């Protein structure tokens, strides 16, 4: 059974802090987060084209996992390493708790396309383009994430250290089997929907 919630995060890393940032994410942060009851998986990506440089999403059992006592305790009491990262490395952060709607796909891909959709925009034209694609075999899955403000209490002490996070209204998350289909879709959508924030991300790792 797939998780019903998603924590979606985009961010950059301060110049000169890349090694410290990567060591923290792989050796402390991912294991810590996936140790929280209700966290199912975390997937990390790196931007192939632009900024934000990094994109991470966590699949959680339900959106209220992100207001659980255990998770709130972690956010309220960051480790010394996390405090260092939030102070010196983690910048330009966007963090949103979302309801997860899986539109299609039984597998994950190697490349992610994220399309942030504002309140005055609609996902239907993009989905119609995908449905009419002459080579749909390149697409592994399509999901729609919708912000759930009921369970988005912010990142507590972590957010107070790094500064206020940006938020999204909703996001189309598309994974392709290879980079080329994702790059082609991004180019096509940039031309058709220039006001939408579109990112193409290469998978770095996954942890259950």
C-alpha atoms as a PDB file:
ATOM      1  CA  UNK A   1       0.000   0.000   0.000  1.00  0.00           C
ATOM      2  CA  UNK A   2       1.364   3.406  -0.959  1.00  0.00           C
ATOM      3  CA  UNK A   3       1.688   6.200   1.546  1.00  0.00           C
ATOM      4  CA  UNK A   4      -1.021   8.852   1.473  1.00  0.00           C
ATOM      5  CA  UNK A   5       1.265  11.765   2.276  1.00  0.00           C
ATOM      6  CA  UNK A   6       4.377  13.458   0.909  1.00  0.00           C
ATOM      7  CA  UNK A   7       6.861  15.901   2.344  1.00  0.00           C
ATOM      8  CA  UNK A   8       8.288  17.779  -0.673  1.00  0.00           C
ATOM      9  CA  UNK A   9      11.508  19.770  -0.264  1.00  0.00           C
ATOM     10  CA  UNK A  10      13.543  21.859  -2.715  1.00  0.00           C
ATOM     11  CA  UNK A  11      16.741  23.632  -1.655  1.00  0.00           C
ATOM     12  CA  UNK A  12      20.180  24.853  -2.625  1.00  0.00           C
ATOM     13  CA  UNK A  13      23.475  24.300  -0.823  1.00  0.00           C
ATOM     14  CA  UNK A  14      25.789  27.166   0.098  1.00  0.00           C
ATOM     15  CA  UNK A  15      29.009  27.232  -1.894  1.00  0.00           C
ATOM     16  CA  UNK A  16      31.856  25.475  -0.111  1.00  0.00           C
ATOM     17  CA  UNK A  17      29.507  23.401   2.063  1.00  0.00           C
ATOM     18  CA  UNK A  18      28.772  20.653  -0.474  1.00  0.00           C
ATOM     19  CA  UNK A  19      30.875  17.894   1.136  1.00  0.00           C
ATOM     20  CA  UNK A  20      29.563  18.582   4.621  1.00  0.00           C
ATOM     21  CA  UNK A  21      26.007  18.733   3.275  1.00  0.00           C
ATOM     22  CA  UNK A  22      26.271  15.409   1.444  1.00  0.00           C
ATOM     23  CA  UNK A  23      27.878  13.653   4.415  1.00  0.00           C
ATOM     24  CA  UNK A  24      25.140  14.952   6.719  1.00  0.00           C
ATOM     25  CA  UNK A  25      22.321  13.921   4.397  1.00  0.00           C
ATOM     26  CA  UNK A  26      23.603  10.415   3.745  1.00  0.00           C
ATOM     27  CA  UNK A  27      24.997   9.547   7.180  1.00  0.00           C
ATOM     28  CA  UNK A  28      22.669  11.306   9.598  1.00  0.00           C
ATOM     29  CA  UNK A  29      19.610  12.993   8.140  1.00  0.00           C
ATOM     30  CA  UNK A  30      18.142  10.282   5.910  1.00  0.00           C
ATOM     31  CA  UNK A  31      18.607   7.516   8.522  1.00  0.00           C
ATOM     32  CA  UNK A  32      17.101   9.777  11.192  1.00  0.00           C
ATOM     33  CA  UNK A  33      14.044  10.698   9.131  1.00  0.00           C
ATOM     34  CA  UNK A  34      13.404   7.138   7.941  1.00  0.00           C
ATOM     35  CA  UNK A  35      13.570   6.050  11.573  1.00  0.00           C
ATOM     36  CA  UNK A  36      10.440   8.093  12.337  1.00  0.00           C
ATOM     37  CA  UNK A  37       7.312   5.867  12.518  1.00  0.00           C
ATOM     38  CA  UNK A  38       5.188   6.414   9.411  1.00  0.00           C
ATOM     39  CA  UNK A  39       8.073   7.399   7.118  1.00  0.00           C
ATOM     40  CA  UNK A  40       8.179   4.850   4.270  1.00  0.00           C
ATOM     41  CA  UNK A  41      10.870   6.070   1.883  1.00  0.00           C
ATOM     42  CA  UNK A  42      13.020   9.072   1.049  1.00  0.00           C
ATOM     43  CA  UNK A  43      14.313   9.874  -2.437  1.00  0.00           C
ATOM     44  CA  UNK A  44      17.002  12.494  -3.144  1.00  0.00           C
ATOM     45  CA  UNK A  45      17.705  14.162  -6.499  1.00  0.00           C
ATOM     46  CA  UNK A  46      20.064  16.711  -8.060  1.00  0.00           C
ATOM     47  CA  UNK A  47      19.007  19.293 -10.645  1.00  0.00           C
ATOM     48  CA  UNK A  48      20.242  18.626 -14.178  1.00  0.00           C
ATOM     49  CA  UNK A  49      19.680  22.159 -15.446  1.00  0.00           C
ATOM     50  CA  UNK A  50      18.984  24.926 -12.956  1.00  0.00           C
ATOM     51  CA  UNK A  51      18.125  25.844  -9.368  1.00  0.00           C
ATOM     52  CA  UNK A  52      17.042  24.778  -6.768  1.00  0.00           C
ATOM     53  CA  UNK A  53      19.953  22.356  -6.881  1.00  0.00           C
ATOM     54  CA  UNK A  54      18.353  19.622  -4.787  1.00  0.00           C
ATOM     55  CA  UNK A  55      14.931  18.017  -4.502  1.00  0.00           C
ATOM     56  CA  UNK A  56      13.937  15.487  -1.842  1.00  0.00           C
ATOM     57  CA  UNK A  57      10.623  13.865  -1.107  1.00  0.00           C
ATOM     58  CA  UNK A  58       9.512  11.585   1.676  1.00  0.00           C
ATOM     59  CA  UNK A  59       6.646   9.147   1.309  1.00  0.00           C
ATOM     60  CA  UNK A  60       4.726   8.950   4.586  1.00  0.00           C
ATOM     61  CA  UNK A  61       1.812   6.777   5.651  1.00  0.00           C
ATOM     62  CA  UNK A  62      -0.509   9.774   6.135  1.00  0.00           C
ATOM     63  CA  UNK A  63      -0.028  13.559   6.158  1.00  0.00           C
ATOM     64  CA  UNK A  64      -0.568  13.558   9.942  1.00  0.00           C
ATOM     65  CA  UNK A  65       2.640  11.529  10.265  1.00  0.00           C
ATOM     66  CA  UNK A  66       4.279  14.940   9.891  1.00  0.00           C
ATOM     67  CA  UNK A  67       2.656  16.210  13.090  1.00  0.00           C
ATOM     68  CA  UNK A  68       3.287  13.073  15.123  1.00  0.00           C
ATOM     69  CA  UNK A  69       4.845  13.391  18.562  1.00  0.00           C
ATOM     70  CA  UNK A  70       8.005  11.578  17.442  1.00  0.00           C
ATOM     71  CA  UNK A  71       8.511  13.777  14.377  1.00  0.00           C
ATOM     72  CA  UNK A  72       7.769  17.000  16.267  1.00  0.00           C
ATOM     73  CA  UNK A  73      10.367  16.007  18.848  1.00  0.00           C
ATOM     74  CA  UNK A  74      12.984  15.626  16.094  1.00  0.00           C
ATOM     75  CA  UNK A  75      12.112  18.995  14.541  1.00  0.00           C
ATOM     76  CA  UNK A  76      12.198  20.716  17.922  1.00  0.00           C
ATOM     77  CA  UNK A  77      15.538  19.211  18.933  1.00  0.00           C
ATOM     78  CA  UNK A  78      17.873  19.208  15.922  1.00  0.00           C
ATOM     79  CA  UNK A  79      21.255  17.547  16.356  1.00  0.00           C
ATOM     80  CA  UNK A  80      24.422  19.684  16.477  1.00  0.00           C
ATOM     81  CA  UNK A  81      25.218  18.578  12.904  1.00  0.00           C
ATOM     82  CA  UNK A  82      21.727  19.543  11.724  1.00  0.00           C
ATOM     83  CA  UNK A  83      22.068  22.953  13.401  1.00  0.00           C
ATOM     84  CA  UNK A  84      25.338  23.477  11.563  1.00  0.00           C
ATOM     85  CA  UNK A  85      23.796  22.496   8.206  1.00  0.00           C
ATOM     86  CA  UNK A  86      20.717  24.674   8.753  1.00  0.00           C
ATOM     87  CA  UNK A  87      22.923  27.625   9.682  1.00  0.00           C
ATOM     88  CA  UNK A  88      25.591  27.334   7.003  1.00  0.00           C
ATOM     89  CA  UNK A  89      24.563  25.040   4.123  1.00  0.00           C
ATOM     90  CA  UNK A  90      20.801  24.663   3.662  1.00  0.00           C
ATOM     91  CA  UNK A  91      19.525  27.683   1.695  1.00  0.00           C
ATOM     92  CA  UNK A  92      16.597  28.739  -0.512  1.00  0.00           C
ATOM     93  CA  UNK A  93      14.335  26.121   1.043  1.00  0.00           C
ATOM     94  CA  UNK A  94      10.834  25.181  -0.056  1.00  0.00           C
ATOM     95  CA  UNK A  95       9.068  22.639   2.196  1.00  0.00           C
ATOM     96  CA  UNK A  96       5.417  21.538   1.953  1.00  0.00           C
ATOM     97  CA  UNK A  97       3.298  18.751   3.433  1.00  0.00           C
ATOM     98  CA  UNK A  98       1.093  17.296   0.674  1.00  0.00           C
ATOM     99  CA  UNK A  99      -1.727  14.855   0.076  1.00  0.00           C
ATOM    100  CA  UNK A 100      -0.514  12.288  -2.439  1.00  0.00           C
ATOM    101  CA  UNK A 101      -2.565  11.238  -5.461  1.00  0.00           C
ATOM    102  CA  UNK A 102      -1.016   8.567  -7.700  1.00  0.00           C
ATOM    103  CA  UNK A 103      -2.326   9.057 -11.234  1.00  0.00           C
ATOM    104  CA  UNK A 104      -0.449   6.264 -13.005  1.00  0.00           C
ATOM    105  CA  UNK A 105       2.601   4.030 -12.783  1.00  0.00           C
ATOM    106  CA  UNK A 106       3.708   0.996 -10.818  1.00  0.00           C
ATOM    107  CA  UNK A 107       7.466   1.693 -10.776  1.00  0.00           C
ATOM    108  CA  UNK A 108       9.789   4.588  -9.990  1.00  0.00           C
ATOM    109  CA  UNK A 109      12.138   6.067 -12.574  1.00  0.00           C
ATOM    110  CA  UNK A 110      15.650   7.475 -12.612  1.00  0.00           C
ATOM    111  CA  UNK A 111      14.747  11.075 -13.483  1.00  0.00           C
ATOM    112  CA  UNK A 112      12.116  13.316 -11.920  1.00  0.00           C
ATOM    113  CA  UNK A 113      10.232  16.207 -13.456  1.00  0.00           C
ATOM    114  CA  UNK A 114       8.575  18.535 -10.926  1.00  0.00           C
ATOM    115  CA  UNK A 115       6.019  21.050 -12.130  1.00  0.00           C
ATOM    116  CA  UNK A 116       4.780  23.441  -9.458  1.00  0.00           C
ATOM    117  CA  UNK A 117       1.230  24.616 -10.101  1.00  0.00           C
ATOM    118  CA  UNK A 118      -0.128  27.778  -8.505  1.00  0.00           C
ATOM    119  CA  UNK A 119      -3.724  28.339  -7.403  1.00  0.00           C
ATOM    120  CA  UNK A 120      -4.677  30.064 -10.660  1.00  0.00           C
ATOM    121  CA  UNK A 121      -3.271  27.285 -12.861  1.00  0.00           C
ATOM    122  CA  UNK A 122      -4.525  23.809 -13.704  1.00  0.00           C
ATOM    123  CA  UNK A 123      -2.820  20.467 -14.237  1.00  0.00           C
ATOM    124  CA  UNK A 124      -5.190  19.224 -16.972  1.00  0.00           C
ATOM    125  CA  UNK A 125      -3.328  20.666 -20.008  1.00  0.00           C
ATOM    126  CA  UNK A 126      -0.118  18.994 -18.870  1.00  0.00           C
ATOM    127  CA  UNK A 127      -1.826  15.671 -18.224  1.00  0.00           C
ATOM    128  CA  UNK A 128      -3.496  15.870 -21.637  1.00  0.00           C
ATOM    129  CA  UNK A 129      -0.095  16.392 -23.266  1.00  0.00           C
ATOM    130  CA  UNK A 130       1.300  13.368 -21.432  1.00  0.00           C
ATOM    131  CA  UNK A 131      -1.689  11.235 -22.414  1.00  0.00           C
ATOM    132  CA  UNK A 132      -1.265  12.243 -26.071  1.00  0.00           C
ATOM    133  CA  UNK A 133       2.499  11.608 -26.048  1.00  0.00           C
ATOM    134  CA  UNK A 134       3.471   9.396 -28.983  1.00  0.00           C
ATOM    135  CA  UNK A 135       6.114   7.659 -26.847  1.00  0.00           C
ATOM    136  CA  UNK A 136       4.569   7.186 -23.381  1.00  0.00           C
ATOM    137  CA  UNK A 137       6.872   4.258 -22.604  1.00  0.00           C
ATOM    138  CA  UNK A 138       9.466   6.720 -21.300  1.00  0.00           C
ATOM    139  CA  UNK A 139       7.216   7.731 -18.381  1.00  0.00           C
ATOM    140  CA  UNK A 140       7.410   5.526 -15.280  1.00  0.00           C
ATOM    141  CA  UNK A 141       4.820   7.256 -13.085  1.00  0.00           C
ATOM    142  CA  UNK A 142       2.751  10.409 -12.620  1.00  0.00           C
ATOM    143  CA  UNK A 143       1.608  11.778  -9.267  1.00  0.00           C
ATOM    144  CA  UNK A 144      -0.227  14.913  -8.126  1.00  0.00           C
ATOM    145  CA  UNK A 145       0.719  16.398  -4.768  1.00  0.00           C
ATOM    146  CA  UNK A 146      -1.628  18.935  -3.170  1.00  0.00           C
ATOM    147  CA  UNK A 147      -0.555  21.070  -0.212  1.00  0.00           C
ATOM    148  CA  UNK A 148      -2.218  20.084   3.066  1.00  0.00           C
ATOM    149  CA  UNK A 149      -1.959  23.064   5.394  1.00  0.00           C
ATOM    150  CA  UNK A 150      -3.751  21.216   8.208  1.00  0.00           C
ATOM    151  CA  UNK A 151      -0.638  19.185   8.949  1.00  0.00           C
ATOM    152  CA  UNK A 152       2.031  21.658   7.837  1.00  0.00           C
ATOM    153  CA  UNK A 153       3.240  23.189  11.095  1.00  0.00           C
ATOM    154  CA  UNK A 154       6.593  24.256   9.698  1.00  0.00           C
ATOM    155  CA  UNK A 155       9.955  22.749  10.544  1.00  0.00           C
ATOM    156  CA  UNK A 156       9.982  24.113  14.102  1.00  0.00           C
ATOM    157  CA  UNK A 157      13.513  24.809  15.374  1.00  0.00           C
ATOM    158  CA  UNK A 158      15.053  23.738  12.063  1.00  0.00           C
ATOM    159  CA  UNK A 159      13.111  26.379  10.135  1.00  0.00           C
ATOM    160  CA  UNK A 160      13.856  29.054  12.729  1.00  0.00           C
ATOM    161  CA  UNK A 161      17.573  28.430  12.134  1.00  0.00           C
ATOM    162  CA  UNK A 162      17.575  28.468   8.327  1.00  0.00           C
ATOM    163  CA  UNK A 163      14.791  31.019   7.810  1.00  0.00           C
ATOM    164  CA  UNK A 164      11.196  30.820   6.662  1.00  0.00           C
ATOM    165  CA  UNK A 165      10.475  28.134   4.047  1.00  0.00           C
ATOM    166  CA  UNK A 166       8.680  28.729   0.773  1.00  0.00           C
ATOM    167  CA  UNK A 167       5.509  26.718   0.098  1.00  0.00           C
ATOM    168  CA  UNK A 168       3.861  25.242  -2.979  1.00  0.00           C
ATOM    169  CA  UNK A 169       0.143  24.937  -3.746  1.00  0.00           C
ATOM    170  CA  UNK A 170       0.460  21.719  -5.723  1.00  0.00           C
ATOM    171  CA  UNK A 171       2.936  19.821  -7.861  1.00  0.00           C
ATOM    172  CA  UNK A 172       2.870  17.337 -10.700  1.00  0.00           C
ATOM    173  CA  UNK A 173       5.603  14.790 -10.071  1.00  0.00           C
ATOM    174  CA  UNK A 174       6.594  12.811 -13.168  1.00  0.00           C
ATOM    175  CA  UNK A 175       9.320  10.167 -13.225  1.00  0.00           C
ATOM    176  CA  UNK A 176      10.842   8.857 -16.423  1.00  0.00           C
ATOM    177  CA  UNK A 177      12.946   5.767 -16.997  1.00  0.00           C
ATOM    178  CA  UNK A 178      15.766   7.778 -18.574  1.00  0.00           C
ATOM    179  CA  UNK A 179      16.922  11.407 -18.723  1.00  0.00           C
ATOM    180  CA  UNK A 180      16.026  12.142 -22.357  1.00  0.00           C
ATOM    181  CA  UNK A 181      12.226  11.859 -22.011  1.00  0.00           C
ATOM    182  CA  UNK A 182      12.295  14.119 -18.941  1.00  0.00           C
ATOM    183  CA  UNK A 183      14.425  16.734 -20.692  1.00  0.00           C
ATOM    184  CA  UNK A 184      12.150  16.635 -23.747  1.00  0.00           C
ATOM    185  CA  UNK A 185       9.021  17.026 -21.620  1.00  0.00           C
ATOM    186  CA  UNK A 186      10.587  19.899 -19.668  1.00  0.00           C
ATOM    187  CA  UNK A 187      11.510  21.732 -22.874  1.00  0.00           C
ATOM    188  CA  UNK A 188       8.012  21.230 -24.238  1.00  0.00           C
ATOM    189  CA  UNK A 189       6.313  22.397 -21.036  1.00  0.00           C
ATOM    190  CA  UNK A 190       8.607  25.425 -20.642  1.00  0.00           C
ATOM    191  CA  UNK A 191       7.416  26.633 -24.044  1.00  0.00           C
ATOM    192  CA  UNK A 192       3.738  25.944 -23.379  1.00  0.00           C
ATOM    193  CA  UNK A 193       3.606  26.973 -19.716  1.00  0.00           C
ATOM    194  CA  UNK A 194       6.341  29.597 -19.168  1.00  0.00           C
ATOM    195  CA  UNK A 195       4.891  30.748 -15.834  1.00  0.00           C
ATOM    196  CA  UNK A 196       5.216  27.328 -14.183  1.00  0.00           C
ATOM    197  CA  UNK A 197       8.276  26.391 -12.116  1.00  0.00           C
ATOM    198  CA  UNK A 198       9.657  23.262 -13.795  1.00  0.00           C
ATOM    199  CA  UNK A 199      12.661  21.273 -12.608  1.00  0.00           C
ATOM    200  CA  UNK A 200      14.444  18.191 -13.957  1.00  0.00           C
ATOM    201  CA  UNK A 201      16.221  16.087 -11.355  1.00  0.00           C
ATOM    202  CA  UNK A 202      18.553  13.095 -11.490  1.00  0.00           C
ATOM    203  CA  UNK A 203      18.106  10.494  -8.744  1.00  0.00           C
ATOM    204  CA  UNK A 204      20.946  10.428  -6.208  1.00  0.00           C
ATOM    205  CA  UNK A 205      19.661   7.770  -3.820  1.00  0.00           C
ATOM    206  CA  UNK A 206      16.684   6.165  -2.108  1.00  0.00           C
ATOM    207  CA  UNK A 207      16.353   4.932   1.446  1.00  0.00           C
ATOM    208  CA  UNK A 208      13.502   2.909   2.957  1.00  0.00           C
END
